[in-house]
C-alpha atoms as a PDB file:
ATOM      1  CA  UNK A   1       0.050   0.035  -0.040  1.00  0.00           C
ATOM      2  CA  UNK A   2       1.216   3.430  -0.733  1.00  0.00           C
ATOM      3  CA  UNK A   3       2.014   5.487   2.315  1.00  0.00           C
ATOM      4  CA  UNK A   4       1.502   9.058   1.968  1.00  0.00           C
ATOM      5  CA  UNK A   5       2.618  11.852   4.318  1.00  0.00           C
ATOM      6  CA  UNK A   6       0.974  15.051   3.660  1.00  0.00           C
ATOM      7  CA  UNK A   7       3.561  17.804   4.632  1.00  0.00           C
ATOM      8  CA  UNK A   8       1.583  20.930   5.663  1.00  0.00           C
ATOM      9  CA  UNK A   9       2.745  23.647   8.047  1.00  0.00           C
ATOM     10  CA  UNK A  10      -0.027  24.420  10.519  1.00  0.00           C
ATOM     11  CA  UNK A  11       0.143  28.140  10.721  1.00  0.00           C
ATOM     12  CA  UNK A  12       1.617  29.211   7.402  1.00  0.00           C
ATOM     13  CA  UNK A  13      -0.760  31.574   5.771  1.00  0.00           C
ATOM     14  CA  UNK A  14       0.082  30.191   2.313  1.00  0.00           C
ATOM     15  CA  UNK A  15      -0.662  26.558   3.454  1.00  0.00           C
ATOM     16  CA  UNK A  16      -3.241  26.484   6.046  1.00  0.00           C
ATOM     17  CA  UNK A  17      -5.900  27.811   3.746  1.00  0.00           C
ATOM     18  CA  UNK A  18      -5.642  28.401   0.016  1.00  0.00           C
ATOM     19  CA  UNK A  19      -5.238  32.000  -1.073  1.00  0.00           C
ATOM     20  CA  UNK A  20      -8.545  33.204  -2.052  1.00  0.00           C
ATOM     21  CA  UNK A  21      -9.225  33.950  -5.762  1.00  0.00           C
ATOM     22  CA  UNK A  22     -10.118  37.656  -5.739  1.00  0.00           C
ATOM     23  CA  UNK A  23     -11.029  37.572  -9.402  1.00  0.00           C
ATOM     24  CA  UNK A  24     -13.833  35.134  -8.679  1.00  0.00           C
ATOM     25  CA  UNK A  25     -15.557  37.859  -6.619  1.00  0.00           C
ATOM     26  CA  UNK A  26     -15.090  40.305  -9.420  1.00  0.00           C
ATOM     27  CA  UNK A  27     -16.477  37.847 -12.029  1.00  0.00           C
ATOM     28  CA  UNK A  28     -19.695  37.435  -9.743  1.00  0.00           C
ATOM     29  CA  UNK A  29     -20.097  41.030  -9.344  1.00  0.00           C
ATOM     30  CA  UNK A  30     -19.269  41.279  -5.667  1.00  0.00           C
ATOM     31  CA  UNK A  31     -17.200  44.395  -5.903  1.00  0.00           C
ATOM     32  CA  UNK A  32     -16.979  44.852  -2.090  1.00  0.00           C
ATOM     33  CA  UNK A  33     -15.387  41.331  -1.516  1.00  0.00           C
ATOM     34  CA  UNK A  34     -13.235  41.870  -4.462  1.00  0.00           C
ATOM     35  CA  UNK A  35     -11.845  45.033  -3.058  1.00  0.00           C
ATOM     36  CA  UNK A  36     -11.584  43.429   0.358  1.00  0.00           C
ATOM     37  CA  UNK A  37      -9.740  40.485  -1.029  1.00  0.00           C
ATOM     38  CA  UNK A  38      -7.317  42.520  -2.945  1.00  0.00           C
ATOM     39  CA  UNK A  39      -6.470  44.521   0.201  1.00  0.00           C
ATOM     40  CA  UNK A  40      -6.117  41.272   2.307  1.00  0.00           C
ATOM     41  CA  UNK A  41      -3.478  39.943  -0.168  1.00  0.00           C
ATOM     42  CA  UNK A  42      -1.328  42.741   0.487  1.00  0.00           C
ATOM     43  CA  UNK A  43      -0.239  40.888   3.801  1.00  0.00           C
ATOM     44  CA  UNK A  44       2.036  38.793   1.605  1.00  0.00           C
ATOM     45  CA  UNK A  45       5.501  39.278   2.802  1.00  0.00           C
ATOM     46  CA  UNK A  46       4.590  40.800   6.038  1.00  0.00           C
ATOM     47  CA  UNK A  47       5.311  38.880   9.515  1.00  0.00           C
ATOM     48  CA  UNK A  48       1.962  37.739  11.218  1.00  0.00           C
ATOM     49  CA  UNK A  49       2.809  39.616  14.308  1.00  0.00           C
ATOM     50  CA  UNK A  50       3.687  42.950  12.635  1.00  0.00           C
ATOM     51  CA  UNK A  51       1.419  45.998  12.865  1.00  0.00           C
ATOM     52  CA  UNK A  52       1.350  46.143   9.136  1.00  0.00           C
ATOM     53  CA  UNK A  53      -0.097  42.575   8.654  1.00  0.00           C
ATOM     54  CA  UNK A  54      -2.869  43.308  11.220  1.00  0.00           C
ATOM     55  CA  UNK A  55      -3.723  46.875   9.907  1.00  0.00           C
ATOM     56  CA  UNK A  56      -3.997  45.539   6.297  1.00  0.00           C
ATOM     57  CA  UNK A  57      -6.594  42.913   7.488  1.00  0.00           C
ATOM     58  CA  UNK A  58      -8.413  45.439   9.550  1.00  0.00           C
ATOM     59  CA  UNK A  59      -8.670  47.592   6.333  1.00  0.00           C
ATOM     60  CA  UNK A  60     -10.082  44.672   4.356  1.00  0.00           C
ATOM     61  CA  UNK A  61     -12.663  44.097   7.141  1.00  0.00           C
ATOM     62  CA  UNK A  62     -13.623  47.761   6.956  1.00  0.00           C
ATOM     63  CA  UNK A  63     -14.144  47.384   3.224  1.00  0.00           C
ATOM     64  CA  UNK A  64     -16.398  44.298   3.658  1.00  0.00           C
ATOM     65  CA  UNK A  65     -17.209  43.096   7.241  1.00  0.00           C
ATOM     66  CA  UNK A  66     -18.960  39.986   5.805  1.00  0.00           C
ATOM     67  CA  UNK A  67     -15.628  38.679   4.250  1.00  0.00           C
ATOM     68  CA  UNK A  68     -14.428  35.923   6.270  1.00  0.00           C
ATOM     69  CA  UNK A  69     -10.788  35.530   5.124  1.00  0.00           C
ATOM     70  CA  UNK A  70      -9.413  38.530   6.982  1.00  0.00           C
ATOM     71  CA  UNK A  71     -10.925  37.285  10.412  1.00  0.00           C
ATOM     72  CA  UNK A  72      -9.393  33.916   9.937  1.00  0.00           C
ATOM     73  CA  UNK A  73      -5.926  35.371   8.785  1.00  0.00           C
ATOM     74  CA  UNK A  74      -5.940  37.775  11.804  1.00  0.00           C
ATOM     75  CA  UNK A  75      -6.734  34.960  14.225  1.00  0.00           C
ATOM     76  CA  UNK A  76      -3.614  32.979  13.442  1.00  0.00           C
ATOM     77  CA  UNK A  77      -1.091  35.350  15.193  1.00  0.00           C
ATOM     78  CA  UNK A  78      -3.290  35.453  18.260  1.00  0.00           C
ATOM     79  CA  UNK A  79      -3.451  31.599  18.422  1.00  0.00           C
ATOM     80  CA  UNK A  80       0.410  31.497  18.038  1.00  0.00           C
ATOM     81  CA  UNK A  81       0.953  34.181  20.690  1.00  0.00           C
ATOM     82  CA  UNK A  82      -1.392  32.373  23.207  1.00  0.00           C
ATOM     83  CA  UNK A  83      -4.192  34.990  23.236  1.00  0.00           C
ATOM     84  CA  UNK A  84      -6.813  32.428  22.895  1.00  0.00           C
ATOM     85  CA  UNK A  85      -9.652  34.793  23.752  1.00  0.00           C
ATOM     86  CA  UNK A  86      -8.990  37.013  20.814  1.00  0.00           C
ATOM     87  CA  UNK A  87      -8.366  33.933  18.543  1.00  0.00           C
ATOM     88  CA  UNK A  88     -11.680  32.546  19.538  1.00  0.00           C
ATOM     89  CA  UNK A  89     -13.531  35.718  18.791  1.00  0.00           C
ATOM     90  CA  UNK A  90     -11.986  35.887  15.359  1.00  0.00           C
ATOM     91  CA  UNK A  91     -12.373  32.442  14.360  1.00  0.00           C
ATOM     92  CA  UNK A  92     -15.907  32.234  15.524  1.00  0.00           C
ATOM     93  CA  UNK A  93     -16.598  35.343  13.277  1.00  0.00           C
ATOM     94  CA  UNK A  94     -14.939  33.495  10.344  1.00  0.00           C
ATOM     95  CA  UNK A  95     -17.008  30.341  11.096  1.00  0.00           C
ATOM     96  CA  UNK A  96     -20.253  32.430  11.281  1.00  0.00           C
ATOM     97  CA  UNK A  97     -19.565  33.870   7.915  1.00  0.00           C
ATOM     98  CA  UNK A  98     -18.134  30.784   6.155  1.00  0.00           C
ATOM     99  CA  UNK A  99     -18.920  27.695   8.263  1.00  0.00           C
ATOM    100  CA  UNK A 100     -17.895  25.158   5.541  1.00  0.00           C
ATOM    101  CA  UNK A 101     -14.551  27.012   5.093  1.00  0.00           C
ATOM    102  CA  UNK A 102     -13.641  27.227   8.771  1.00  0.00           C
ATOM    103  CA  UNK A 103     -15.420  24.499  10.891  1.00  0.00           C
ATOM    104  CA  UNK A 104     -12.760  21.952  10.158  1.00  0.00           C
ATOM    105  CA  UNK A 105      -9.947  24.193  11.092  1.00  0.00           C
ATOM    106  CA  UNK A 106     -11.662  25.379  14.284  1.00  0.00           C
ATOM    107  CA  UNK A 107     -12.544  21.821  15.322  1.00  0.00           C
ATOM    108  CA  UNK A 108      -9.009  20.721  14.651  1.00  0.00           C
ATOM    109  CA  UNK A 109      -7.619  23.478  16.853  1.00  0.00           C
ATOM    110  CA  UNK A 110     -10.061  22.676  19.514  1.00  0.00           C
ATOM    111  CA  UNK A 111      -8.819  19.164  19.552  1.00  0.00           C
ATOM    112  CA  UNK A 112      -5.086  19.921  19.161  1.00  0.00           C
ATOM    113  CA  UNK A 113      -4.540  22.875  21.549  1.00  0.00           C
ATOM    114  CA  UNK A 114      -7.415  23.100  23.930  1.00  0.00           C
ATOM    115  CA  UNK A 115      -8.442  19.448  24.335  1.00  0.00           C
ATOM    116  CA  UNK A 116     -12.035  20.675  23.938  1.00  0.00           C
ATOM    117  CA  UNK A 117     -13.045  17.262  22.696  1.00  0.00           C
ATOM    118  CA  UNK A 118     -16.773  17.908  22.704  1.00  0.00           C
ATOM    119  CA  UNK A 119     -16.471  21.183  20.914  1.00  0.00           C
ATOM    120  CA  UNK A 120     -14.188  19.618  18.267  1.00  0.00           C
ATOM    121  CA  UNK A 121     -16.759  16.833  17.837  1.00  0.00           C
ATOM    122  CA  UNK A 122     -19.545  19.364  17.351  1.00  0.00           C
ATOM    123  CA  UNK A 123     -17.541  21.316  14.699  1.00  0.00           C
ATOM    124  CA  UNK A 124     -16.495  18.235  12.853  1.00  0.00           C
ATOM    125  CA  UNK A 125     -20.017  16.802  12.810  1.00  0.00           C
ATOM    126  CA  UNK A 126     -21.504  20.053  11.869  1.00  0.00           C
ATOM    127  CA  UNK A 127     -19.116  20.437   8.894  1.00  0.00           C
ATOM    128  CA  UNK A 128     -19.976  16.901   7.695  1.00  0.00           C
ATOM    129  CA  UNK A 129     -23.714  17.770   7.950  1.00  0.00           C
ATOM    130  CA  UNK A 130     -23.217  20.648   5.588  1.00  0.00           C
ATOM    131  CA  UNK A 131     -21.312  18.975   2.830  1.00  0.00           C
ATOM    132  CA  UNK A 132     -21.944  15.999   0.671  1.00  0.00           C
ATOM    133  CA  UNK A 133     -18.305  15.363  -0.108  1.00  0.00           C
ATOM    134  CA  UNK A 134     -15.236  14.232   1.942  1.00  0.00           C
ATOM    135  CA  UNK A 135     -14.586  16.676   4.927  1.00  0.00           C
ATOM    136  CA  UNK A 136     -10.894  16.441   4.607  1.00  0.00           C
ATOM    137  CA  UNK A 137      -7.914  16.445   6.903  1.00  0.00           C
ATOM    138  CA  UNK A 138      -6.386  18.197   9.805  1.00  0.00           C
ATOM    139  CA  UNK A 139      -4.523  21.399   9.301  1.00  0.00           C
ATOM    140  CA  UNK A 140      -1.196  19.657   9.810  1.00  0.00           C
ATOM    141  CA  UNK A 141      -2.198  16.901   7.343  1.00  0.00           C
ATOM    142  CA  UNK A 142      -1.702  14.097   9.840  1.00  0.00           C
ATOM    143  CA  UNK A 143      -5.249  12.959  10.332  1.00  0.00           C
ATOM    144  CA  UNK A 144      -8.403  12.753   8.414  1.00  0.00           C
ATOM    145  CA  UNK A 145     -10.925  14.887  10.412  1.00  0.00           C
ATOM    146  CA  UNK A 146     -12.920  11.744  11.122  1.00  0.00           C
ATOM    147  CA  UNK A 147      -9.877  10.142  12.757  1.00  0.00           C
ATOM    148  CA  UNK A 148      -9.495  13.095  14.937  1.00  0.00           C
ATOM    149  CA  UNK A 149     -13.232  12.908  15.804  1.00  0.00           C
ATOM    150  CA  UNK A 150     -12.672   9.463  16.759  1.00  0.00           C
ATOM    151  CA  UNK A 151      -9.809  10.394  19.013  1.00  0.00           C
ATOM    152  CA  UNK A 152     -12.156  12.951  20.579  1.00  0.00           C
ATOM    153  CA  UNK A 153     -14.790  10.301  21.383  1.00  0.00           C
ATOM    154  CA  UNK A 154     -11.963   8.114  22.986  1.00  0.00           C
ATOM    155  CA  UNK A 155     -10.953  11.018  25.083  1.00  0.00           C
ATOM    156  CA  UNK A 156     -14.486  11.449  26.531  1.00  0.00           C
ATOM    157  CA  UNK A 157     -14.686   7.656  27.193  1.00  0.00           C
ATOM    158  CA  UNK A 158     -16.703   6.438  24.268  1.00  0.00           C
ATOM    159  CA  UNK A 159     -13.994   3.835  23.144  1.00  0.00           C
ATOM    160  CA  UNK A 160     -16.346   1.601  21.220  1.00  0.00           C
ATOM    161  CA  UNK A 161     -17.748   4.551  19.214  1.00  0.00           C
ATOM    162  CA  UNK A 162     -14.241   5.762  18.701  1.00  0.00           C
ATOM    163  CA  UNK A 163     -13.190   2.332  17.285  1.00  0.00           C
ATOM    164  CA  UNK A 164     -15.966   2.276  14.871  1.00  0.00           C
ATOM    165  CA  UNK A 165     -15.397   5.872  13.497  1.00  0.00           C
ATOM    166  CA  UNK A 166     -11.627   5.284  13.172  1.00  0.00           C
ATOM    167  CA  UNK A 167     -11.935   1.689  11.712  1.00  0.00           C
ATOM    168  CA  UNK A 168     -14.452   3.031   9.118  1.00  0.00           C
ATOM    169  CA  UNK A 169     -12.258   5.938   8.257  1.00  0.00           C
ATOM    170  CA  UNK A 170      -9.202   3.794   7.851  1.00  0.00           C
ATOM    171  CA  UNK A 171     -11.211   1.562   5.397  1.00  0.00           C
ATOM    172  CA  UNK A 172     -12.142   4.493   3.383  1.00  0.00           C
ATOM    173  CA  UNK A 173      -8.704   5.946   3.466  1.00  0.00           C
ATOM    174  CA  UNK A 174      -7.323   2.491   1.998  1.00  0.00           C
ATOM    175  CA  UNK A 175      -9.796   2.801  -0.807  1.00  0.00           C
ATOM    176  CA  UNK A 176      -8.213   6.258  -1.579  1.00  0.00           C
ATOM    177  CA  UNK A 177      -4.560   4.801  -1.329  1.00  0.00           C
ATOM    178  CA  UNK A 178      -3.961   6.811   1.730  1.00  0.00           C
ATOM    179  CA  UNK A 179      -2.822   5.779   5.230  1.00  0.00           C
ATOM    180  CA  UNK A 180      -2.653   8.285   7.987  1.00  0.00           C
ATOM    181  CA  UNK A 181       0.785   8.510   9.802  1.00  0.00           C
ATOM    182  CA  UNK A 182      -0.681   7.185  13.192  1.00  0.00           C
ATOM    183  CA  UNK A 183      -4.008   5.771  12.175  1.00  0.00           C
ATOM    184  CA  UNK A 184      -3.275   2.019  12.837  1.00  0.00           C
ATOM    185  CA  UNK A 185      -1.460   2.940  16.043  1.00  0.00           C
ATOM    186  CA  UNK A 186      -4.357   4.747  17.537  1.00  0.00           C
ATOM    187  CA  UNK A 187      -6.879   1.910  16.455  1.00  0.00           C
ATOM    188  CA  UNK A 188      -4.389  -0.679  18.058  1.00  0.00           C
ATOM    189  CA  UNK A 189      -4.205   1.300  21.260  1.00  0.00           C
ATOM    190  CA  UNK A 190      -8.045   1.388  21.398  1.00  0.00           C
ATOM    191  CA  UNK A 191      -8.158  -2.350  20.913  1.00  0.00           C
ATOM    192  CA  UNK A 192      -5.635  -2.977  23.614  1.00  0.00           C
ATOM    193  CA  UNK A 193      -7.427  -0.554  26.013  1.00  0.00           C
ATOM    194  CA  UNK A 194     -10.733  -2.434  25.448  1.00  0.00           C
ATOM    195  CA  UNK A 195      -8.968  -5.860  25.853  1.00  0.00           C
ATOM    196  CA  UNK A 196      -9.327  -6.957  22.171  1.00  0.00           C
ATOM    197  CA  UNK A 197      -5.651  -8.111  22.140  1.00  0.00           C
ATOM    198  CA  UNK A 198      -5.595 -10.067  18.871  1.00  0.00           C
ATOM    199  CA  UNK A 199      -6.987  -7.276  17.062  1.00  0.00           C
ATOM    200  CA  UNK A 200      -4.623  -4.897  18.783  1.00  0.00           C
ATOM    201  CA  UNK A 201      -1.702  -7.093  17.543  1.00  0.00           C
ATOM    202  CA  UNK A 202      -3.200  -6.872  14.130  1.00  0.00           C
ATOM    203  CA  UNK A 203      -3.276  -3.170  13.995  1.00  0.00           C
ATOM    204  CA  UNK A 204       0.235  -2.702  15.412  1.00  0.00           C
ATOM    205  CA  UNK A 205       1.526  -5.210  12.729  1.00  0.00           C
ATOM    206  CA  UNK A 206      -0.086  -2.879  10.050  1.00  0.00           C
ATOM    207  CA  UNK A 207       1.304   0.243  11.716  1.00  0.00           C
ATOM    208  CA  UNK A 208       4.814  -1.347  11.587  1.00  0.00           C
ATOM    209  CA  UNK A 209       4.327  -1.924   7.786  1.00  0.00           C
ATOM    210  CA  UNK A 210       3.500   1.711   7.094  1.00  0.00           C
ATOM    211  CA  UNK A 211       5.185   3.840   9.718  1.00  0.00           C
ATOM    212  CA  UNK A 212       7.411   1.982  12.250  1.00  0.00           C
ATOM    213  CA  UNK A 213       7.423   3.905  15.522  1.00  0.00           C
ATOM    214  CA  UNK A 214       8.546   3.430  18.976  1.00  0.00           C
ATOM    215  CA  UNK A 215       5.077   3.959  20.245  1.00  0.00           C
ATOM    216  CA  UNK A 216       3.855   1.043  18.114  1.00  0.00           C
ATOM    217  CA  UNK A 217       6.397  -1.442  19.639  1.00  0.00           C
ATOM    218  CA  UNK A 218       5.826  -0.094  23.155  1.00  0.00           C
ATOM    219  CA  UNK A 219       2.145  -0.733  23.007  1.00  0.00           C
ATOM    220  CA  UNK A 220       2.693  -4.041  21.215  1.00  0.00           C
ATOM    221  CA  UNK A 221       4.830  -5.055  24.191  1.00  0.00           C
ATOM    222  CA  UNK A 222       2.041  -4.183  26.552  1.00  0.00           C
ATOM    223  CA  UNK A 223      -0.252  -6.360  24.692  1.00  0.00           C
ATOM    224  CA  UNK A 224       2.003  -9.308  24.729  1.00  0.00           C
ATOM    225  CA  UNK A 225       2.307  -8.776  28.581  1.00  0.00           C
ATOM    226  CA  UNK A 226      -1.299  -9.033  28.905  1.00  0.00           C
ATOM    227  CA  UNK A 227      -1.212 -12.323  26.914  1.00  0.00           C
ATOM    228  CA  UNK A 228       1.671 -13.498  29.128  1.00  0.00           C
ATOM    229  CA  UNK A 229       4.078 -13.639  26.178  1.00  0.00           C
ATOM    230  CA  UNK A 230       6.920 -12.333  28.209  1.00  0.00           C
ATOM    231  CA  UNK A 231       9.747 -13.046  25.716  1.00  0.00           C
ATOM    232  CA  UNK A 232       7.906 -10.977  23.009  1.00  0.00           C
ATOM    233  CA  UNK A 233       7.128  -8.308  25.680  1.00  0.00           C
ATOM    234  CA  UNK A 234      10.823  -7.750  26.370  1.00  0.00           C
ATOM    235  CA  UNK A 235      11.761  -7.929  22.674  1.00  0.00           C
ATOM    236  CA  UNK A 236       9.196  -5.456  21.614  1.00  0.00           C
ATOM    237  CA  UNK A 237      10.343  -3.037  24.383  1.00  0.00           C
ATOM    238  CA  UNK A 238      14.046  -3.304  23.207  1.00  0.00           C
ATOM    239  CA  UNK A 239      12.708  -2.500  19.660  1.00  0.00           C
ATOM    240  CA  UNK A 240      10.674   0.375  21.043  1.00  0.00           C
ATOM    241  CA  UNK A 241      13.817   1.738  22.779  1.00  0.00           C
ATOM    242  CA  UNK A 242      15.776   1.387  19.655  1.00  0.00           C
ATOM    243  CA  UNK A 243      13.187   3.245  17.489  1.00  0.00           C
ATOM    244  CA  UNK A 244      12.813   5.899  20.054  1.00  0.00           C
ATOM    245  CA  UNK A 245      16.558   6.685  20.347  1.00  0.00           C
ATOM    246  CA  UNK A 246      16.840   6.646  16.573  1.00  0.00           C
ATOM    247  CA  UNK A 247      14.090   9.340  16.303  1.00  0.00           C
ATOM    248  CA  UNK A 248      11.181   6.974  14.970  1.00  0.00           C
ATOM    249  CA  UNK A 249       8.556   8.372  17.332  1.00  0.00           C
ATOM    250  CA  UNK A 250       5.437  10.293  17.308  1.00  0.00           C
ATOM    251  CA  UNK A 251       6.071  14.084  16.998  1.00  0.00           C
ATOM    252  CA  UNK A 252       4.139  17.400  16.527  1.00  0.00           C
ATOM    253  CA  UNK A 253       5.834  20.690  16.762  1.00  0.00           C
ATOM    254  CA  UNK A 254       2.868  22.294  18.675  1.00  0.00           C
ATOM    255  CA  UNK A 255       1.408  19.787  21.007  1.00  0.00           C
ATOM    256  CA  UNK A 256       1.904  16.197  22.299  1.00  0.00           C
ATOM    257  CA  UNK A 257      -0.132  13.752  20.150  1.00  0.00           C
ATOM    258  CA  UNK A 258      -2.524  11.328  21.926  1.00  0.00           C
ATOM    259  CA  UNK A 259      -0.892   7.912  22.701  1.00  0.00           C
ATOM    260  CA  UNK A 260       2.665   9.469  22.546  1.00  0.00           C
ATOM    261  CA  UNK A 261       5.141   7.869  24.795  1.00  0.00           C
ATOM    262  CA  UNK A 262       8.697   8.917  26.281  1.00  0.00           C
ATOM    263  CA  UNK A 263      11.779   7.127  26.748  1.00  0.00           C
ATOM    264  CA  UNK A 264      11.197   6.950  30.538  1.00  0.00           C
ATOM    265  CA  UNK A 265       8.081   4.965  29.809  1.00  0.00           C
ATOM    266  CA  UNK A 266      10.074   2.421  27.852  1.00  0.00           C
ATOM    267  CA  UNK A 267      12.917   2.085  30.269  1.00  0.00           C
ATOM    268  CA  UNK A 268      10.524   1.600  33.274  1.00  0.00           C
ATOM    269  CA  UNK A 269       8.804  -1.192  31.385  1.00  0.00           C
ATOM    270  CA  UNK A 270      12.143  -2.718  30.483  1.00  0.00           C
ATOM    271  CA  UNK A 271      13.125  -2.818  34.156  1.00  0.00           C
ATOM    272  CA  UNK A 272       9.806  -4.617  34.746  1.00  0.00           C
ATOM    273  CA  UNK A 273      10.594  -7.159  31.960  1.00  0.00           C
ATOM    274  CA  UNK A 274      14.067  -7.709  33.301  1.00  0.00           C
ATOM    275  CA  UNK A 275      12.635  -8.692  36.816  1.00  0.00           C
ATOM    276  CA  UNK A 276      10.569 -11.542  35.226  1.00  0.00           C
END
């Protein structure tokens, strides 16, 4: 199976959301949005935290207060700086004006940065109700939004529902010749946590075939321990440590992914394994 890694930078203006086509507004006769759009495009080359960047977007909003793009673009700097209150006001306005364009982004941010799992679920499910096509991926390209939704259900304790959502989306991903970087790992951990150990091993094996990670071998080791397969328990931990030290582990530049582990976790488990 072809393994694809989507390389997207979360907060880059040029990649988080496609640059708007100002000429389309002109074509349809919406002159105010056309002028607002042209003004907003003047942010190109300006640092997101600069006064010029924010002033240009304020001017675009003045031209057309119903144009969503400037609100969204302004919000980015506030999220990066930690001013979450202002970010929320701006992104909420963008969602109000263009829900299809921004619900997925807001839902992903709610999951990734705020652990607002119920809010993320609401946004993703609302987006899904508004469109008749695939709702797409998270802003960093790591997850399909349905995988993120499944992880949110896991976080609020609805693990069986999470399993179904993630398993169904993996099936659809495979049909599209795409496998998320951590999809099988998360599903395997869910099966482990619900004591379906054989299915867990199956998922961890598939994860190793697509993106071999320290986390995968660590959770595989825990599964073997539950099955009293102690030799494989220790061997998997040794492999987990090797992968971790070699840099083959879950990573995100902005937050700690769900199911991420640390070297200390592996070494503590190895101490236990060596006592047996």
